């Protein structure tokens, strides 16, 4: 008598076990769903005004400044750091460019603003990379320092550059209907995407954020890479300060106030991981659009400024919660495969 054993069913090939890449991507893009929902609300409540040419131009101008600052925040977050001084640094770059050597010239103002932003970023990066200080503490101190200098320099009074009319023209200039400031933002989006995805520097940034000790062991120059990240972030923030002058034609003591919260929230809601090593430029762009649409829509609905801040805060909490859930799911699904 022979015993017959039932042969186990063959394992499904990896292709069968995996879902469609497109579906997997769509499942992870909760920020897109939030954006679609916001656009639907805008269409239903203020459709004729929201989709009007004037409002769309204003919307693009809103995106441009926060968009550049969000890119600066993204590259810092990718390393596992955080920069909460971006708003104050933008304000400092704007008022100094408006009141010092850059006042008589738009181009000179650009140079001054970028230099100021670069100096702030270099100081932050040096303290983080070479002195080993925590990014949060360093940039918190820089936030207070830069904002204090903004108030001290202008005494709370808006500073109008000598070339105010030229700055106003800059803010109103369009190319094929798109504001020049928005085009500058999109160029920066392309530049940062190229640096992150197509250069050795970008691979080092992701490696440091994923595991800094492993990156150091593999020969990556961690300190100089971190320093370069903060310098580049500062340069972007300085550019944002110059763009602020282009939009408002003056440097104010409140320039960039609380902009760091919107930038961090836009990065998080775009899917970046605050612990570092994960995040995409596309997600940061979507996060930027979301916050610009929210600000624009709330203004069209005549919602008070205080409630607007409360709504943004609530959205930040929702974004962090969704990001935590998403990363937990990824960890659970990848853990069995690693065993």
Protein backbone atom coordinates (compact mmCIF):
# COMPACT_ATOMS: atom_id res chain seq x y z
CA UNK A 1 0.00 0.00 0.00
CA UNK A 2 1.48 3.26 -1.03
CA UNK A 3 0.59 6.61 0.39
CA UNK A 4 0.00 9.41 -2.03
CA UNK A 5 0.97 12.88 -0.99
CA UNK A 6 -0.74 15.89 -2.38
CA UNK A 7 1.75 18.14 -4.06
CA UNK A 8 1.63 21.71 -2.79
CA UNK A 9 0.24 24.27 -5.17
CA UNK A 10 2.95 26.16 -6.96
CA UNK A 11 3.64 29.60 -5.56
CA UNK A 12 2.34 32.46 -7.57
CA UNK A 13 4.99 34.32 -9.48
CA UNK A 14 6.05 37.68 -8.04
CA UNK A 15 4.23 39.44 -10.87
CA UNK A 16 0.96 37.81 -9.83
CA UNK A 17 1.41 38.70 -6.18
CA UNK A 18 2.13 42.33 -6.94
CA UNK A 19 -0.59 44.78 -7.78
CA UNK A 20 -0.61 47.10 -10.71
CA UNK A 21 2.12 49.76 -10.32
CA UNK A 22 -0.34 52.44 -11.41
CA UNK A 23 -2.94 51.31 -8.85
CA UNK A 24 -0.32 51.10 -6.11
CA UNK A 25 0.82 54.61 -6.97
CA UNK A 26 -2.73 55.97 -6.94
CA UNK A 27 -3.42 54.34 -3.57
CA UNK A 28 -0.47 56.18 -2.04
CA UNK A 29 -1.34 59.60 -3.50
CA UNK A 30 -3.82 60.73 -0.87
CA UNK A 31 -2.66 64.31 -1.41
CA UNK A 32 -4.12 64.18 -4.91
CA UNK A 33 -7.49 63.15 -3.49
CA UNK A 34 -7.39 66.06 -1.06
CA UNK A 35 -6.59 68.41 -3.94
CA UNK A 36 -9.42 67.04 -6.09
CA UNK A 37 -11.84 67.42 -3.17
CA UNK A 38 -10.75 71.03 -2.64
CA UNK A 39 -11.18 71.83 -6.33
CA UNK A 40 -14.67 70.33 -6.25
CA UNK A 41 -15.58 72.45 -3.22
CA UNK A 42 -14.17 75.54 -4.95
CA UNK A 43 -16.14 74.76 -8.11
CA UNK A 44 -19.39 74.26 -6.20
CA UNK A 45 -19.09 77.25 -3.89
CA UNK A 46 -17.23 79.88 -5.96
CA UNK A 47 -16.83 78.26 -9.36
CA UNK A 48 -17.23 81.31 -11.59
CA UNK A 49 -14.84 83.40 -9.50
CA UNK A 50 -12.35 80.65 -8.64
CA UNK A 51 -11.81 79.60 -12.26
CA UNK A 52 -11.69 83.19 -13.53
CA UNK A 53 -8.50 84.41 -15.15
CA UNK A 54 -7.76 87.02 -12.49
CA UNK A 55 -8.14 84.57 -9.62
CA UNK A 56 -6.07 81.88 -11.33
CA UNK A 57 -3.28 84.41 -11.80
CA UNK A 58 -3.45 85.29 -8.10
CA UNK A 59 -3.45 81.59 -7.27
CA UNK A 60 -0.28 81.01 -9.29
CA UNK A 61 1.38 83.97 -7.58
CA UNK A 62 0.45 82.49 -4.20
CA UNK A 63 1.95 79.15 -5.22
CA UNK A 64 5.20 80.64 -6.48
CA UNK A 65 6.58 81.95 -3.19
CA UNK A 66 5.41 79.12 -0.93
CA UNK A 67 6.45 76.70 -3.66
CA UNK A 68 10.09 77.80 -3.67
CA UNK A 69 10.23 77.69 0.14
CA UNK A 70 8.64 74.23 0.15
CA UNK A 71 11.40 72.98 -2.16
CA UNK A 72 13.93 74.32 0.34
CA UNK A 73 12.15 72.51 3.17
CA UNK A 74 11.92 69.29 1.16
CA UNK A 75 15.65 68.84 0.62
CA UNK A 76 16.31 69.45 4.32
CA UNK A 77 13.61 66.99 5.39
CA UNK A 78 15.02 64.35 3.03
CA UNK A 79 18.21 64.33 5.14
CA UNK A 80 16.20 63.73 8.31
CA UNK A 81 16.44 67.36 9.38
CA UNK A 82 14.00 70.23 9.57
CA UNK A 83 14.29 73.97 8.97
CA UNK A 84 11.83 76.16 10.82
CA UNK A 85 13.74 79.35 10.00
CA UNK A 86 12.73 79.51 6.33
CA UNK A 87 9.94 82.04 6.88
CA UNK A 88 12.05 84.43 8.93
CA UNK A 89 15.00 84.03 6.56
CA UNK A 90 12.72 84.95 3.65
CA UNK A 91 11.59 88.05 5.51
CA UNK A 92 15.18 89.04 6.27
CA UNK A 93 16.23 88.58 2.65
CA UNK A 94 13.25 90.64 1.48
CA UNK A 95 13.74 93.64 3.78
CA UNK A 96 17.51 93.84 3.27
CA UNK A 97 17.16 93.53 -0.50
CA UNK A 98 14.53 96.28 -0.39
CA UNK A 99 16.43 98.65 1.86
CA UNK A 100 20.12 98.15 1.22
CA UNK A 101 22.19 97.89 -1.94
CA UNK A 102 19.48 95.99 -3.79
CA UNK A 103 16.92 98.76 -3.41
CA UNK A 104 17.74 100.70 -6.58
CA UNK A 105 17.89 97.65 -8.85
CA UNK A 106 15.76 94.53 -9.30
CA UNK A 107 18.75 92.46 -10.41
CA UNK A 108 20.94 93.72 -7.56
CA UNK A 109 18.06 92.98 -5.21
CA UNK A 110 18.08 89.38 -6.46
CA UNK A 111 21.80 89.08 -5.74
CA UNK A 112 21.46 90.58 -2.26
CA UNK A 113 18.46 88.40 -1.35
CA UNK A 114 20.17 85.21 -2.50
CA UNK A 115 23.36 86.11 -0.60
CA UNK A 116 21.39 86.76 2.60
CA UNK A 117 19.54 83.47 2.22
CA UNK A 118 22.79 81.65 1.47
CA UNK A 119 24.44 83.07 4.60
CA UNK A 120 21.52 81.95 6.78
CA UNK A 121 21.60 78.49 5.23
CA UNK A 122 25.38 78.24 5.58
CA UNK A 123 25.23 79.09 9.29
CA UNK A 124 22.43 76.59 9.87
CA UNK A 125 24.25 73.90 7.91
CA UNK A 126 27.60 74.48 9.62
CA UNK A 127 26.05 74.15 13.07
CA UNK A 128 24.14 71.01 12.08
CA UNK A 129 26.80 69.27 9.97
CA UNK A 130 30.07 70.24 11.65
CA UNK A 131 29.01 70.97 15.22
CA UNK A 132 26.50 68.14 15.49
CA UNK A 133 23.65 70.28 16.82
CA UNK A 134 20.01 69.29 16.36
CA UNK A 135 18.42 70.89 13.27
CA UNK A 136 15.29 71.86 15.18
CA UNK A 137 17.23 73.74 17.87
CA UNK A 138 19.55 75.42 15.37
CA UNK A 139 16.79 76.62 13.07
CA UNK A 140 14.60 77.64 16.02
CA UNK A 141 17.38 79.95 17.15
CA UNK A 142 17.83 81.23 13.60
CA UNK A 143 14.08 81.84 13.34
CA UNK A 144 14.21 84.14 16.37
CA UNK A 145 17.43 85.83 15.24
CA UNK A 146 16.28 86.50 11.68
CA UNK A 147 12.82 87.70 12.70
CA UNK A 148 14.34 89.98 15.33
CA UNK A 149 16.64 91.49 12.70
CA UNK A 150 13.66 92.01 10.40
CA UNK A 151 11.79 93.96 13.08
CA UNK A 152 14.91 95.89 14.12
CA UNK A 153 15.87 96.84 10.57
CA UNK A 154 12.46 98.15 9.57
CA UNK A 155 11.07 99.18 12.98
CA UNK A 156 7.85 97.49 11.92
CA UNK A 157 7.46 99.85 8.95
CA UNK A 158 7.29 98.51 5.37
CA UNK A 159 10.47 99.22 3.40
CA UNK A 160 9.84 100.39 -0.14
CA UNK A 161 12.77 99.83 -2.51
CA UNK A 162 13.86 102.64 -4.80
CA UNK A 163 12.95 100.41 -7.73
CA UNK A 164 9.45 99.73 -6.36
CA UNK A 165 7.84 100.30 -9.75
CA UNK A 166 10.24 97.82 -11.37
CA UNK A 167 9.42 95.23 -8.73
CA UNK A 168 5.71 95.82 -9.32
CA UNK A 169 6.26 95.28 -13.03
CA UNK A 170 8.14 92.06 -12.24
CA UNK A 171 5.19 90.77 -10.23
CA UNK A 172 2.73 91.62 -13.00
CA UNK A 173 4.77 90.23 -15.90
CA UNK A 174 3.29 87.19 -17.62
CA UNK A 175 4.55 84.88 -20.36
CA UNK A 176 1.79 83.22 -22.44
CA UNK A 177 -0.57 84.08 -19.62
CA UNK A 178 1.56 82.54 -16.85
CA UNK A 179 3.04 84.89 -14.22
CA UNK A 180 6.82 85.17 -14.43
CA UNK A 181 7.13 84.37 -10.72
CA UNK A 182 5.27 81.10 -11.26
CA UNK A 183 7.60 80.24 -14.14
CA UNK A 184 10.60 80.86 -11.86
CA UNK A 185 9.06 78.45 -9.34
CA UNK A 186 8.54 75.79 -12.01
CA UNK A 187 12.15 76.19 -13.15
CA UNK A 188 13.26 75.61 -9.56
CA UNK A 189 11.03 72.53 -9.41
CA UNK A 190 12.78 71.13 -12.48
CA UNK A 191 16.21 72.01 -11.07
CA UNK A 192 15.63 70.34 -7.70
CA UNK A 193 14.10 67.28 -9.37
CA UNK A 194 17.19 66.99 -11.59
CA UNK A 195 19.57 67.34 -8.64
CA UNK A 196 17.72 64.76 -6.54
CA UNK A 197 17.05 62.15 -9.22
CA UNK A 198 19.91 62.53 -11.70
CA UNK A 199 23.02 63.40 -9.70
CA UNK A 200 25.34 61.76 -7.18
CA UNK A 201 24.47 64.57 -4.78
CA UNK A 202 20.80 63.58 -4.84
CA UNK A 203 21.60 59.93 -4.13
CA UNK A 204 23.73 61.01 -1.21
CA UNK A 205 20.90 63.13 0.19
CA UNK A 206 18.51 60.17 0.17
CA UNK A 207 21.18 57.86 1.60
CA UNK A 208 21.89 60.21 4.51
CA UNK A 209 18.19 60.50 5.30
CA UNK A 210 17.67 56.74 5.15
CA UNK A 211 20.61 55.80 7.39
CA UNK A 212 23.27 58.35 8.20
CA UNK A 213 25.65 55.82 9.76
CA UNK A 214 25.42 53.50 6.77
CA UNK A 215 25.98 56.48 4.48
CA UNK A 216 29.07 57.47 6.45
CA UNK A 217 30.39 53.89 6.39
CA UNK A 218 29.95 53.72 2.62
CA UNK A 219 32.25 56.69 2.15
CA UNK A 220 29.67 59.42 1.56
CA UNK A 221 30.96 62.83 2.76
CA UNK A 222 28.07 63.31 5.16
CA UNK A 223 29.15 66.63 6.66
CA UNK A 224 29.81 68.44 3.40
CA UNK A 225 26.66 67.02 1.83
CA UNK A 226 24.54 68.17 4.77
CA UNK A 227 26.15 71.59 4.64
CA UNK A 228 25.45 71.88 0.92
CA UNK A 229 21.80 70.94 1.51
CA UNK A 230 21.28 73.77 4.01
CA UNK A 231 23.14 76.24 1.79
CA UNK A 232 20.97 75.33 -1.20
CA UNK A 233 17.88 75.62 0.99
CA UNK A 234 19.03 79.09 2.03
CA UNK A 235 19.60 80.14 -1.57
CA UNK A 236 16.07 79.03 -2.45
CA UNK A 237 14.66 80.96 0.51
CA UNK A 238 16.61 84.04 -0.57
CA UNK A 239 15.10 83.69 -4.03
CA UNK A 240 11.70 83.48 -2.33
CA UNK A 241 12.43 86.77 -0.54
CA UNK A 242 13.17 88.44 -3.87
CA UNK A 243 9.97 86.98 -5.33
CA UNK A 244 8.10 88.41 -2.33
CA UNK A 245 9.38 91.85 -3.34
CA UNK A 246 8.24 91.18 -6.88
CA UNK A 247 4.74 90.41 -5.73
CA UNK A 248 4.25 93.10 -3.08
CA UNK A 249 6.87 95.71 -4.12
CA UNK A 250 7.93 96.25 -0.49
CA UNK A 251 9.62 94.43 2.36
CA UNK A 252 7.41 94.17 5.44
CA UNK A 253 8.18 93.03 8.98
CA UNK A 254 5.64 90.23 8.58
CA UNK A 255 7.14 88.92 5.32
CA UNK A 256 7.33 85.13 5.52
CA UNK A 257 5.61 85.03 8.90
CA UNK A 258 4.55 81.42 9.71
CA UNK A 259 5.59 80.39 6.20
CA UNK A 260 7.69 77.63 7.75
CA UNK A 261 4.54 75.90 8.99
CA UNK A 262 2.98 75.91 5.54
CA UNK A 263 6.20 74.67 3.96
CA UNK A 264 6.58 71.80 6.42
CA UNK A 265 2.92 70.90 6.07
CA UNK A 266 3.13 70.98 2.27
CA UNK A 267 6.13 68.64 2.38
CA UNK A 268 4.39 66.24 4.77
CA UNK A 269 1.05 66.24 2.99
CA UNK A 270 3.00 65.60 -0.22
CA UNK A 271 4.18 62.30 1.26
CA UNK A 272 7.65 63.10 2.59
CA UNK A 273 8.79 61.31 5.74
CA UNK A 274 9.97 63.64 8.50
CA UNK A 275 12.47 61.00 9.62
CA UNK A 276 14.19 61.42 6.25
CA UNK A 277 15.05 59.31 3.25
CA UNK A 278 11.66 59.42 1.55
CA UNK A 279 9.90 62.17 -0.37
CA UNK A 280 9.30 63.35 -3.91
CA UNK A 281 9.36 66.72 -5.64
CA UNK A 282 5.97 65.90 -7.19
CA UNK A 283 4.47 65.45 -3.74
CA UNK A 284 5.90 68.78 -2.59
CA UNK A 285 4.35 70.48 -5.62
CA UNK A 286 0.95 68.93 -4.88
CA UNK A 287 1.24 70.00 -1.24
CA UNK A 288 2.06 73.53 -2.36
CA UNK A 289 -0.98 73.65 -4.63
CA UNK A 290 -3.20 72.34 -1.83
CA UNK A 291 -2.23 75.10 0.59
CA UNK A 292 -2.47 77.78 -2.09
CA UNK A 293 -5.97 76.59 -3.03
CA UNK A 294 -7.01 76.52 0.63
CA UNK A 295 -5.80 80.08 1.25
CA UNK A 296 -7.41 81.29 -1.95
CA UNK A 297 -10.72 79.53 -1.36
CA UNK A 298 -11.01 80.67 2.26
CA UNK A 299 -10.42 84.25 1.14
CA UNK A 300 -13.12 83.92 -1.53
CA UNK A 301 -15.48 82.58 1.13
CA UNK A 302 -14.68 85.60 3.35
CA UNK A 303 -13.45 83.38 6.18
CA UNK A 304 -11.66 85.33 8.91
CA UNK A 305 -7.87 85.17 9.10
CA UNK A 306 -8.02 83.47 12.50
CA UNK A 307 -10.24 80.69 11.21
CA UNK A 308 -7.96 80.32 8.19
CA UNK A 309 -5.03 79.64 10.52
CA UNK A 310 -7.15 77.14 12.46
CA UNK A 311 -8.13 75.38 9.25
CA UNK A 312 -4.50 75.14 8.15
CA UNK A 313 -3.57 73.71 11.54
CA UNK A 314 -6.30 71.10 11.25
CA UNK A 315 -5.06 70.16 7.79
CA UNK A 316 -1.52 69.74 9.13
CA UNK A 317 -2.84 67.30 11.75
CA UNK A 318 -4.75 65.38 9.08
CA UNK A 319 -1.67 65.29 6.85
CA UNK A 320 0.59 63.94 9.59
CA UNK A 321 -2.01 61.33 10.54
CA UNK A 322 -2.44 60.15 6.96
CA UNK A 323 1.32 60.04 6.44
CA UNK A 324 1.76 57.98 9.61
CA UNK A 325 -0.92 55.52 8.50
CA UNK A 326 0.61 55.22 5.05
CA UNK A 327 4.11 54.55 6.35
CA UNK A 328 2.78 52.02 8.87
CA UNK A 329 1.04 50.13 6.08
CA UNK A 330 4.20 50.14 3.98
CA UNK A 331 6.18 48.81 6.93
CA UNK A 332 3.70 45.98 7.50
CA UNK A 333 3.64 44.99 3.83
CA UNK A 334 7.41 45.07 3.38
CA UNK A 335 8.23 43.30 6.65
CA UNK A 336 7.03 39.82 5.52
CA UNK A 337 8.94 40.14 2.26
CA UNK A 338 12.13 40.88 4.16
CA UNK A 339 11.84 37.71 6.24
